[in-house]
C-alpha atoms as a PDB file:
ATOM      1  CA  MET A   1     124.741 129.288-232.886  1.00  0.00           C
ATOM      2  CA  ASP A   2     126.201 132.695-233.807  1.00  0.00           C
ATOM      3  CA  ALA A   3     124.010 135.725-233.013  1.00  0.00           C
ATOM      4  CA  ALA A   4     125.378 137.461-236.130  1.00  0.00           C
ATOM      5  CA  HIS A   5     124.064 134.624-238.304  1.00  0.00           C
ATOM      6  CA  LEU A   6     120.657 134.869-236.654  1.00  0.00           C
ATOM      7  CA  ARG A   7     120.715 138.604-237.334  1.00  0.00           C
ATOM      8  CA  LEU A   8     121.203 137.889-241.046  1.00  0.00           C
ATOM      9  CA  LEU A   9     117.983 135.850-241.073  1.00  0.00           C
ATOM     10  CA  ARG A  10     116.075 138.747-239.554  1.00  0.00           C
ATOM     11  CA  GLU A  11     117.586 141.185-242.045  1.00  0.00           C
ATOM     12  CA  LEU A  12     116.588 138.873-244.906  1.00  0.00           C
ATOM     13  CA  ALA A  13     113.019 138.701-243.553  1.00  0.00           C
ATOM     14  CA  ASP A  14     112.766 142.491-243.354  1.00  0.00           C
ATOM     15  CA  ARG A  15     114.695 143.488-246.478  1.00  0.00           C
ATOM     16  CA  GLY A  16     113.520 140.778-248.844  1.00  0.00           C
ATOM     17  CA  SER A  17     116.708 139.881-250.708  1.00  0.00           C
ATOM     18  CA  VAL A  18     120.359 138.948-250.187  1.00  0.00           C
ATOM     19  CA  ALA A  19     121.418 141.994-252.217  1.00  0.00           C
ATOM     20  CA  ALA A  20     119.434 144.352-249.962  1.00  0.00           C
ATOM     21  CA  VAL A  21     120.934 142.748-246.836  1.00  0.00           C
ATOM     22  CA  ALA A  22     124.444 143.061-248.260  1.00  0.00           C
ATOM     23  CA  GLU A  23     123.941 146.726-249.118  1.00  0.00           C
ATOM     24  CA  ALA A  24     122.522 147.532-245.679  1.00  0.00           C
ATOM     25  CA  LEU A  25     125.329 145.743-243.828  1.00  0.00           C
ATOM     26  CA  HIS A  26     128.083 146.995-246.175  1.00  0.00           C
ATOM     27  CA  ILE A  27     129.299 143.514-247.063  1.00  0.00           C
ATOM     28  CA  SER A  28     129.224 141.530-250.287  1.00  0.00           C
ATOM     29  CA  ALA A  29     126.273 139.406-251.343  1.00  0.00           C
ATOM     30  CA  SER A  30     128.578 136.389-251.465  1.00  0.00           C
ATOM     31  CA  ALA A  31     129.563 137.007-247.829  1.00  0.00           C
ATOM     32  CA  VAL A  32     125.897 137.045-246.846  1.00  0.00           C
ATOM     33  CA  SER A  33     125.310 133.791-248.735  1.00  0.00           C
ATOM     34  CA  GLN A  34     128.354 132.158-247.125  1.00  0.00           C
ATOM     35  CA  GLN A  35     127.233 133.108-243.616  1.00  0.00           C
ATOM     36  CA  LEU A  36     123.728 131.826-244.301  1.00  0.00           C
ATOM     37  CA  ALA A  37     125.243 128.578-245.587  1.00  0.00           C
ATOM     38  CA  THR A  38     127.307 128.271-242.392  1.00  0.00           C
ATOM     39  CA  LEU A  39     124.167 128.690-240.308  1.00  0.00           C
ATOM     40  CA  GLN A  40     122.260 126.211-242.471  1.00  0.00           C
ATOM     41  CA  ALA A  41     124.977 123.588-241.951  1.00  0.00           C
ATOM     42  CA  ARG A  42     124.222 123.667-238.207  1.00  0.00           C
ATOM     43  CA  VAL A  43     120.456 123.318-238.556  1.00  0.00           C
ATOM     44  CA  PRO A  44     118.784 120.080-239.704  1.00  0.00           C
ATOM     45  CA  VAL A  45     115.852 121.715-241.516  1.00  0.00           C
ATOM     46  CA  PRO A  46     115.873 124.138-244.493  1.00  0.00           C
ATOM     47  CA  LEU A  47     115.960 127.806-243.453  1.00  0.00           C
ATOM     48  CA  THR A  48     115.709 129.374-246.908  1.00  0.00           C
ATOM     49  CA  MET A  49     114.093 128.594-250.235  1.00  0.00           C
ATOM     50  CA  ARG A  50     114.065 130.046-253.720  1.00  0.00           C
ATOM     51  CA  ARG A  51     111.010 132.107-254.620  1.00  0.00           C
ATOM     52  CA  GLY A  52     111.659 132.904-258.259  1.00  0.00           C
ATOM     53  CA  ARG A  53     115.027 134.651-258.316  1.00  0.00           C
ATOM     54  CA  VAL A  54     114.770 135.755-254.673  1.00  0.00           C
ATOM     55  CA  LEU A  55     115.971 133.875-251.595  1.00  0.00           C
ATOM     56  CA  ALA A  56     113.185 133.763-248.994  1.00  0.00           C
ATOM     57  CA  LEU A  57     112.802 132.242-245.532  1.00  0.00           C
ATOM     58  CA  THR A  58     111.031 128.966-244.915  1.00  0.00           C
ATOM     59  CA  PRO A  59     108.672 128.743-241.911  1.00  0.00           C
ATOM     60  CA  ALA A  60     111.597 127.304-239.933  1.00  0.00           C
ATOM     61  CA  GLY A  61     113.757 130.215-241.035  1.00  0.00           C
ATOM     62  CA  GLU A  62     111.097 132.691-239.979  1.00  0.00           C
ATOM     63  CA  ALA A  63     110.851 131.017-236.560  1.00  0.00           C
ATOM     64  CA  LEU A  64     114.617 131.164-236.113  1.00  0.00           C
ATOM     65  CA  ALA A  65     114.686 134.811-237.231  1.00  0.00           C
ATOM     66  CA  THR A  66     112.095 135.585-234.563  1.00  0.00           C
ATOM     67  CA  ALA A  67     114.210 133.803-231.959  1.00  0.00           C
ATOM     68  CA  GLY A  68     117.174 135.860-233.135  1.00  0.00           C
ATOM     69  CA  THR A  69     115.209 139.015-232.402  1.00  0.00           C
ATOM     70  CA  ARG A  70     114.935 137.957-228.772  1.00  0.00           C
ATOM     71  CA  VAL A  71     118.662 137.169-228.681  1.00  0.00           C
ATOM     72  CA  ASP A  72     119.532 140.656-229.934  1.00  0.00           C
ATOM     73  CA  GLU A  73     117.116 142.165-227.427  1.00  0.00           C
ATOM     74  CA  ALA A  74     118.819 140.331-224.577  1.00  0.00           C
ATOM     75  CA  LEU A  75     122.333 141.204-225.768  1.00  0.00           C
ATOM     76  CA  THR A  76     121.499 144.890-226.136  1.00  0.00           C
ATOM     77  CA  ALA A  77     119.905 144.976-222.688  1.00  0.00           C
ATOM     78  CA  ALA A  78     122.956 143.252-221.236  1.00  0.00           C
ATOM     79  CA  ARG A  79     125.333 145.780-222.807  1.00  0.00           C
ATOM     80  CA  GLU A  80     123.211 148.626-221.493  1.00  0.00           C
ATOM     81  CA  ALA A  81     123.132 147.049-218.012  1.00  0.00           C
ATOM     82  CA  VAL A  82     126.936 146.908-217.742  1.00  0.00           C
ATOM     83  CA  GLY A  83     127.367 150.488-218.902  1.00  0.00           C
ATOM     84  CA  ALA A  84     128.533 149.891-222.468  1.00  0.00           C
ATOM     85  CA  PHE A  85     126.275 152.768-223.506  1.00  0.00           C
ATOM     86  CA  LEU A  86     126.971 155.358-220.816  1.00  0.00           C
ATOM     87  CA  GLU A  87     126.447 158.066-223.417  1.00  0.00           C
ATOM     88  CA  SER A  88     123.154 156.528-224.537  1.00  0.00           C
ATOM     89  CA  GLU A  89     121.243 159.786-224.186  1.00  0.00           C
ATOM     90  CA  HIS A  90     123.382 161.170-226.989  1.00  0.00           C
ATOM     91  CA  ARG A  91     122.913 158.225-229.335  1.00  0.00           C
ATOM     92  CA  SER A  92     121.190 159.496-232.475  1.00  0.00           C
ATOM     93  CA  VAL A  93     117.718 158.051-233.060  1.00  0.00           C
ATOM     94  CA  ARG A  94     116.260 157.430-236.513  1.00  0.00           C
ATOM     95  CA  VAL A  95     112.531 158.135-236.806  1.00  0.00           C
ATOM     96  CA  SER A  96     110.366 157.500-239.855  1.00  0.00           C
ATOM     97  CA  ALA A  97     106.776 158.656-240.311  1.00  0.00           C
ATOM     98  CA  PHE A  98     104.175 158.595-243.044  1.00  0.00           C
ATOM     99  CA  HIS A  99     103.669 162.040-244.538  1.00  0.00           C
ATOM    100  CA  SER A 100     100.774 163.486-242.561  1.00  0.00           C
ATOM    101  CA  ALA A 101     102.147 162.186-239.257  1.00  0.00           C
ATOM    102  CA  GLY A 102     105.494 163.780-239.985  1.00  0.00           C
ATOM    103  CA  LEU A 103     103.765 167.061-240.802  1.00  0.00           C
ATOM    104  CA  SER A 104     101.860 167.003-237.525  1.00  0.00           C
ATOM    105  CA  LEU A 105     104.435 165.516-235.152  1.00  0.00           C
ATOM    106  CA  PHE A 106     108.011 166.155-236.298  1.00  0.00           C
ATOM    107  CA  GLY A 107     108.168 169.851-235.401  1.00  0.00           C
ATOM    108  CA  ALA A 108     106.641 169.286-231.975  1.00  0.00           C
ATOM    109  CA  LEU A 109     108.959 166.309-231.382  1.00  0.00           C
ATOM    110  CA  LEU A 110     112.050 168.394-232.143  1.00  0.00           C
ATOM    111  CA  ARG A 111     110.882 171.087-229.743  1.00  0.00           C
ATOM    112  CA  GLU A 112     110.045 168.541-227.029  1.00  0.00           C
ATOM    113  CA  LEU A 113     113.495 166.914-227.140  1.00  0.00           C
ATOM    114  CA  ASP A 114     115.509 170.104-227.735  1.00  0.00           C
ATOM    115  CA  GLY A 115     118.403 168.238-229.329  1.00  0.00           C
ATOM    116  CA  ILE A 116     118.833 165.390-226.833  1.00  0.00           C
ATOM    117  CA  PRO A 117     119.032 162.846-228.219  1.00  0.00           C
ATOM    118  CA  PRO A 118     119.819 163.976-231.761  1.00  0.00           C
ATOM    119  CA  LEU A 119     117.243 162.860-234.332  1.00  0.00           C
ATOM    120  CA  HIS A 120     117.446 161.721-237.933  1.00  0.00           C
ATOM    121  CA  LEU A 121     113.956 162.171-239.415  1.00  0.00           C
ATOM    122  CA  SER A 122     112.595 160.772-242.654  1.00  0.00           C
ATOM    123  CA  ASP A 123     109.239 160.337-244.353  1.00  0.00           C
ATOM    124  CA  ALA A 124     108.103 156.990-245.717  1.00  0.00           C
ATOM    125  CA  ASP A 125     104.554 156.406-246.906  1.00  0.00           C
ATOM    126  CA  VAL A 126     104.291 152.719-247.795  1.00  0.00           C
ATOM    127  CA  ALA A 127     101.664 150.028-248.069  1.00  0.00           C
ATOM    128  CA  HIS A 128     100.375 148.651-244.756  1.00  0.00           C
ATOM    129  CA  ARG A 129     102.306 145.385-245.079  1.00  0.00           C
ATOM    130  CA  ASP A 130     105.620 147.215-245.596  1.00  0.00           C
ATOM    131  CA  PHE A 131     105.708 149.329-242.420  1.00  0.00           C
ATOM    132  CA  PRO A 132     107.281 146.593-240.214  1.00  0.00           C
ATOM    133  CA  GLY A 133     110.136 146.202-242.679  1.00  0.00           C
ATOM    134  CA  LEU A 134     111.073 149.863-242.210  1.00  0.00           C
ATOM    135  CA  THR A 135     112.298 148.980-238.713  1.00  0.00           C
ATOM    136  CA  ALA A 136     115.366 147.500-240.409  1.00  0.00           C
ATOM    137  CA  ASP A 137     116.557 151.045-241.199  1.00  0.00           C
ATOM    138  CA  HIS A 138     114.795 153.148-238.536  1.00  0.00           C
ATOM    139  CA  ASP A 139     114.690 152.892-234.758  1.00  0.00           C
ATOM    140  CA  LEU A 140     111.068 154.073-234.586  1.00  0.00           C
ATOM    141  CA  VAL A 141     108.532 153.848-237.405  1.00  0.00           C
ATOM    142  CA  ILE A 142     105.277 155.799-237.163  1.00  0.00           C
ATOM    143  CA  ALA A 143     102.760 153.657-239.048  1.00  0.00           C
ATOM    144  CA  HIS A 144      99.012 153.597-239.547  1.00  0.00           C
ATOM    145  CA  ARG A 145      96.374 150.928-240.060  1.00  0.00           C
ATOM    146  CA  LEU A 146      92.615 150.605-240.280  1.00  0.00           C
ATOM    147  CA  ALA A 147      90.558 148.475-237.915  1.00  0.00           C
ATOM    148  CA  HIS A 148      90.131 145.738-240.534  1.00  0.00           C
ATOM    149  CA  ASP A 149      93.821 145.637-241.573  1.00  0.00           C
ATOM    150  CA  ALA A 150      95.977 142.700-240.553  1.00  0.00           C
ATOM    151  CA  PRO A 151      97.568 143.234-237.119  1.00  0.00           C
ATOM    152  CA  TRP A 152     101.234 144.121-236.891  1.00  0.00           C
ATOM    153  CA  PRO A 153     103.548 141.060-236.703  1.00  0.00           C
ATOM    154  CA  LEU A 154     104.245 141.183-232.981  1.00  0.00           C
ATOM    155  CA  ASP A 155     106.772 138.355-233.255  1.00  0.00           C
ATOM    156  CA  ARG A 156     108.969 140.832-235.169  1.00  0.00           C
ATOM    157  CA  VAL A 157     108.112 144.273-233.813  1.00  0.00           C
ATOM    158  CA  VAL A 158     106.753 146.014-230.736  1.00  0.00           C
ATOM    159  CA  ALA A 159     103.758 148.236-231.521  1.00  0.00           C
ATOM    160  CA  THR A 160     103.050 151.218-229.249  1.00  0.00           C
ATOM    161  CA  PRO A 161      99.663 152.944-229.794  1.00  0.00           C
ATOM    162  CA  LEU A 162     100.061 156.652-230.505  1.00  0.00           C
ATOM    163  CA  LEU A 163      96.709 157.941-231.748  1.00  0.00           C
ATOM    164  CA  GLU A 164      93.245 156.660-232.534  1.00  0.00           C
ATOM    165  CA  GLU A 165      92.344 159.156-235.187  1.00  0.00           C
ATOM    166  CA  PRO A 166      88.876 159.873-236.627  1.00  0.00           C
ATOM    167  CA  LEU A 167      88.615 160.148-240.404  1.00  0.00           C
ATOM    168  CA  ASP A 168      86.463 162.925-241.859  1.00  0.00           C
ATOM    169  CA  ILE A 169      85.187 163.972-245.250  1.00  0.00           C
ATOM    170  CA  ALA A 170      87.165 166.857-246.746  1.00  0.00           C
ATOM    171  CA  LEU A 171      84.928 169.243-248.702  1.00  0.00           C
ATOM    172  CA  PRO A 172      85.621 172.515-250.488  1.00  0.00           C
ATOM    173  CA  SER A 173      84.284 175.355-248.334  1.00  0.00           C
ATOM    174  CA  GLY A 174      81.804 176.310-251.064  1.00  0.00           C
ATOM    175  CA  HIS A 175      80.278 172.825-251.232  1.00  0.00           C
ATOM    176  CA  PRO A 176      76.517 172.633-250.471  1.00  0.00           C
ATOM    177  CA  LEU A 177      77.242 170.234-247.582  1.00  0.00           C
ATOM    178  CA  ALA A 178      79.998 172.349-246.015  1.00  0.00           C
ATOM    179  CA  ASP A 179      77.561 174.212-243.750  1.00  0.00           C
ATOM    180  CA  ARG A 180      76.358 170.995-242.089  1.00  0.00           C
ATOM    181  CA  GLU A 181      77.944 169.734-238.884  1.00  0.00           C
ATOM    182  CA  THR A 182      77.849 166.138-240.168  1.00  0.00           C
ATOM    183  CA  VAL A 183      77.165 164.452-243.496  1.00  0.00           C
ATOM    184  CA  HIS A 184      75.710 161.078-244.484  1.00  0.00           C
ATOM    185  CA  ALA A 185      77.240 158.623-246.916  1.00  0.00           C
ATOM    186  CA  ALA A 186      74.176 158.828-249.165  1.00  0.00           C
ATOM    187  CA  ASP A 187      74.801 162.578-249.549  1.00  0.00           C
ATOM    188  CA  LEU A 188      78.141 161.776-251.165  1.00  0.00           C
ATOM    189  CA  ALA A 189      77.197 158.933-253.484  1.00  0.00           C
ATOM    190  CA  ASP A 190      77.431 160.971-256.686  1.00  0.00           C
ATOM    191  CA  GLU A 191      80.595 162.897-255.818  1.00  0.00           C
ATOM    192  CA  GLN A 192      83.996 162.535-257.428  1.00  0.00           C
ATOM    193  CA  TRP A 193      86.663 161.396-254.962  1.00  0.00           C
ATOM    194  CA  VAL A 194      90.374 161.602-254.328  1.00  0.00           C
ATOM    195  CA  SER A 195      91.726 158.284-253.021  1.00  0.00           C
ATOM    196  CA  VAL A 196      95.194 157.070-252.100  1.00  0.00           C
ATOM    197  CA  HIS A 197      96.857 154.454-254.284  1.00  0.00           C
ATOM    198  CA  GLU A 198      95.762 150.830-254.025  1.00  0.00           C
ATOM    199  CA  GLY A 199      97.424 148.906-251.197  1.00  0.00           C
ATOM    200  CA  PHE A 200      97.841 151.935-248.939  1.00  0.00           C
ATOM    201  CA  PRO A 201      95.886 151.938-245.675  1.00  0.00           C
ATOM    202  CA  LEU A 202      93.278 154.605-246.442  1.00  0.00           C
ATOM    203  CA  ALA A 203      92.224 153.012-249.745  1.00  0.00           C
ATOM    204  CA  GLY A 204      90.125 150.595-247.710  1.00  0.00           C
ATOM    205  CA  VAL A 205      88.076 153.440-246.240  1.00  0.00           C
ATOM    206  CA  LEU A 206      86.447 154.284-249.560  1.00  0.00           C
ATOM    207  CA  ASP A 207      85.825 150.572-250.157  1.00  0.00           C
ATOM    208  CA  HIS A 208      83.986 150.563-246.824  1.00  0.00           C
ATOM    209  CA  VAL A 209      81.909 153.603-247.815  1.00  0.00           C
ATOM    210  CA  ALA A 210      81.089 152.014-251.188  1.00  0.00           C
ATOM    211  CA  ALA A 211      79.994 148.778-249.496  1.00  0.00           C
ATOM    212  CA  HIS A 212      77.751 150.785-247.171  1.00  0.00           C
ATOM    213  CA  LEU A 213      76.148 152.502-250.173  1.00  0.00           C
ATOM    214  CA  GLY A 214      75.913 149.320-252.212  1.00  0.00           C
ATOM    215  CA  ARG A 215      77.552 150.979-255.229  1.00  0.00           C
ATOM    216  CA  PRO A 216      81.081 151.918-256.287  1.00  0.00           C
ATOM    217  CA  LEU A 217      82.410 155.422-255.774  1.00  0.00           C
ATOM    218  CA  ARG A 218      83.775 157.511-258.617  1.00  0.00           C
ATOM    219  CA  ILE A 219      87.528 157.727-257.985  1.00  0.00           C
ATOM    220  CA  ALA A 220      88.772 160.626-260.083  1.00  0.00           C
ATOM    221  CA  HIS A 221      92.265 161.022-258.628  1.00  0.00           C
ATOM    222  CA  ARG A 222      94.763 158.873-256.707  1.00  0.00           C
ATOM    223  CA  ILE A 223      97.108 160.946-254.544  1.00  0.00           C
ATOM    224  CA  ASN A 224      99.011 159.827-251.441  1.00  0.00           C
ATOM    225  CA  GLU A 225     100.200 163.224-250.238  1.00  0.00           C
ATOM    226  CA  PHE A 226      97.448 164.971-248.247  1.00  0.00           C
ATOM    227  CA  SER A 227      98.758 168.455-248.985  1.00  0.00           C
ATOM    228  CA  VAL A 228      98.220 167.742-252.682  1.00  0.00           C
ATOM    229  CA  THR A 229      94.816 166.203-251.950  1.00  0.00           C
ATOM    230  CA  ALA A 230      93.850 169.338-250.032  1.00  0.00           C
ATOM    231  CA  ALA A 231      94.769 171.468-253.054  1.00  0.00           C
ATOM    232  CA  VAL A 232      92.530 169.334-255.296  1.00  0.00           C
ATOM    233  CA  VAL A 233      89.653 169.540-252.815  1.00  0.00           C
ATOM    234  CA  ARG A 234      90.183 173.275-252.390  1.00  0.00           C
ATOM    235  CA  ALA A 235      89.826 173.685-256.170  1.00  0.00           C
ATOM    236  CA  GLY A 236      86.410 172.011-256.014  1.00  0.00           C
ATOM    237  CA  ALA A 237      87.509 169.123-258.245  1.00  0.00           C
ATOM    238  CA  ALA A 238      86.665 166.299-255.788  1.00  0.00           C
ATOM    239  CA  ILE A 239      86.148 165.377-252.152  1.00  0.00           C
ATOM    240  CA  ALA A 240      88.291 163.061-250.010  1.00  0.00           C
ATOM    241  CA  VAL A 241      88.679 161.220-246.736  1.00  0.00           C
ATOM    242  CA  MET A 242      91.268 162.930-244.553  1.00  0.00           C
ATOM    243  CA  PRO A 243      92.451 162.290-240.968  1.00  0.00           C
ATOM    244  CA  ARG A 244      91.177 164.799-238.439  1.00  0.00           C
ATOM    245  CA  THR A 245      94.231 165.187-236.193  1.00  0.00           C
ATOM    246  CA  THR A 246      97.279 164.972-238.448  1.00  0.00           C
ATOM    247  CA  THR A 247      95.914 167.129-241.275  1.00  0.00           C
ATOM    248  CA  ILE A 248      94.539 170.102-239.326  1.00  0.00           C
ATOM    249  CA  PRO A 249      97.119 172.470-240.911  1.00  0.00           C
ATOM    250  CA  LEU A 250      95.725 171.487-244.335  1.00  0.00           C
ATOM    251  CA  ALA A 251      92.007 171.792-243.524  1.00  0.00           C
ATOM    252  CA  VAL A 252      92.028 175.595-243.835  1.00  0.00           C
ATOM    253  CA  ASP A 253      91.641 178.223-246.537  1.00  0.00           C
ATOM    254  CA  GLY A 254      88.898 176.622-248.541  1.00  0.00           C
ATOM    255  CA  VAL A 255      88.824 173.074-247.088  1.00  0.00           C
ATOM    256  CA  VAL A 256      86.523 171.895-244.286  1.00  0.00           C
ATOM    257  CA  LEU A 257      86.349 168.531-242.521  1.00  0.00           C
ATOM    258  CA  ARG A 258      82.968 166.989-241.683  1.00  0.00           C
ATOM    259  CA  PRO A 259      82.407 163.643-239.903  1.00  0.00           C
ATOM    260  CA  LEU A 260      80.195 160.946-241.381  1.00  0.00           C
ATOM    261  CA  ALA A 261      77.116 160.540-239.208  1.00  0.00           C
ATOM    262  CA  ASP A 262      76.279 156.983-240.286  1.00  0.00           C
ATOM    263  CA  LEU A 263      79.748 155.393-240.466  1.00  0.00           C
ATOM    264  CA  ASP A 264      82.433 155.268-237.789  1.00  0.00           C
ATOM    265  CA  LEU A 265      85.679 155.870-239.670  1.00  0.00           C
ATOM    266  CA  VAL A 266      88.917 155.716-237.698  1.00  0.00           C
ATOM    267  CA  ARG A 267      92.555 154.812-238.193  1.00  0.00           C
ATOM    268  CA  HIS A 268      95.135 153.694-235.658  1.00  0.00           C
ATOM    269  CA  VAL A 269      98.527 155.388-235.575  1.00  0.00           C
ATOM    270  CA  ASP A 270     101.203 153.253-233.912  1.00  0.00           C
ATOM    271  CA  VAL A 271     104.960 153.344-233.406  1.00  0.00           C
ATOM    272  CA  LEU A 272     106.778 150.191-234.526  1.00  0.00           C
ATOM    273  CA  ALA A 273     110.233 149.175-233.297  1.00  0.00           C
ATOM    274  CA  ARG A 274     112.362 146.093-233.110  1.00  0.00           C
ATOM    275  CA  PRO A 275     112.369 144.764-229.520  1.00  0.00           C
ATOM    276  CA  ASP A 276     116.147 145.073-229.139  1.00  0.00           C
ATOM    277  CA  THR A 277     116.065 148.684-230.346  1.00  0.00           C
ATOM    278  CA  LEU A 278     113.890 149.620-227.377  1.00  0.00           C
ATOM    279  CA  ALA A 279     116.696 148.524-225.057  1.00  0.00           C
ATOM    280  CA  TYR A 280     118.436 151.821-225.864  1.00  0.00           C
ATOM    281  CA  ALA A 281     117.616 154.591-223.405  1.00  0.00           C
ATOM    282  CA  ALA A 282     117.722 157.214-226.188  1.00  0.00           C
ATOM    283  CA  VAL A 283     115.129 155.348-228.237  1.00  0.00           C
ATOM    284  CA  ARG A 284     112.834 154.965-225.231  1.00  0.00           C
ATOM    285  CA  ARG A 285     113.156 158.690-224.530  1.00  0.00           C
ATOM    286  CA  VAL A 286     112.132 159.566-228.086  1.00  0.00           C
ATOM    287  CA  LEU A 287     109.228 157.131-227.919  1.00  0.00           C
ATOM    288  CA  GLN A 288     107.971 158.786-224.728  1.00  0.00           C
ATOM    289  CA  ALA A 289     108.328 162.214-226.339  1.00  0.00           C
ATOM    290  CA  LEU A 290     106.316 160.998-229.326  1.00  0.00           C
ATOM    291  CA  ARG A 291     103.524 159.880-226.999  1.00  0.00           C
ATOM    292  CA  THR A 292     103.565 163.299-225.330  1.00  0.00           C
ATOM    293  CA  VAL A 293     103.359 165.312-228.559  1.00  0.00           C
ATOM    294  CA  ALA A 294     100.724 162.947-230.004  1.00  0.00           C
ATOM    295  CA  ALA A 295      98.564 163.463-226.917  1.00  0.00           C
ATOM    296  CA  GLY A 296      98.946 167.193-227.410  1.00  0.00           C
ATOM    297  CA  ALA A 297      97.971 166.940-231.079  1.00  0.00           C
ATOM    298  CA  ALA A 298      94.882 164.901-230.213  1.00  0.00           C
ATOM    299  CA  ALA A 299      93.851 167.369-227.507  1.00  0.00           C
ATOM    300  CA  GLY A 300      94.480 170.436-229.625  1.00  0.00           C
END
């Protein structure tokens, strides 16, 4: 069984379509289909199925894609062991982060590494379920989830904890509650709120607050970018839930953060990577640097 064919299954699982796989691998869609057909001819059970107009993996295909991940991990480790990557410290490493994590961590990460290895940084704020798929294009993906979110698919990715971050209520500095050290959910029941868009991790926080109050909250605005949210809060138009650690640069000049006294709100910030990607020394070095700068952010 060809490792390249197994790799195609994994790419299809992460990218969602034959066209996306073809574009990523710089080959034609027909070439992808032909290679998948070759693999299928050697396996006695269906590996793919049609889901509308899209080709998707069957459970057997998903299992084989997972096995292919382990094959790639072993091959990469073997190449590294025999010195095929003697210049591995200089291999460029692609890092993706959701917006507020990038704001808090990217500058410190660049200073920590001082150019070795070289980095390619990008921001990607996606729905919780889509973070693992970003590992198809990035070596390390900084992702976030709430305690009640589905766990990361550990058959596909390795998840390294980075931060356990408290979530606070962002208030305009002139708000009547801004002088308190903590606030209660009942104090906020009649406020207008800024929320993220549906499907994104922090949307569930306001659902949790509403369930605690036994009534829906008034969502006036839906904004994913915390710097924009901070501007809305600063103007006195609404309040919001904002992370304590990765938004400290925004919680100034008219915005204050106050913890909820009667609800424990927290999000988990993790780094996701394909197992074979972590066989590269450069990637492991960047991951360790990320853990160092995240510890500094949490302490500071």
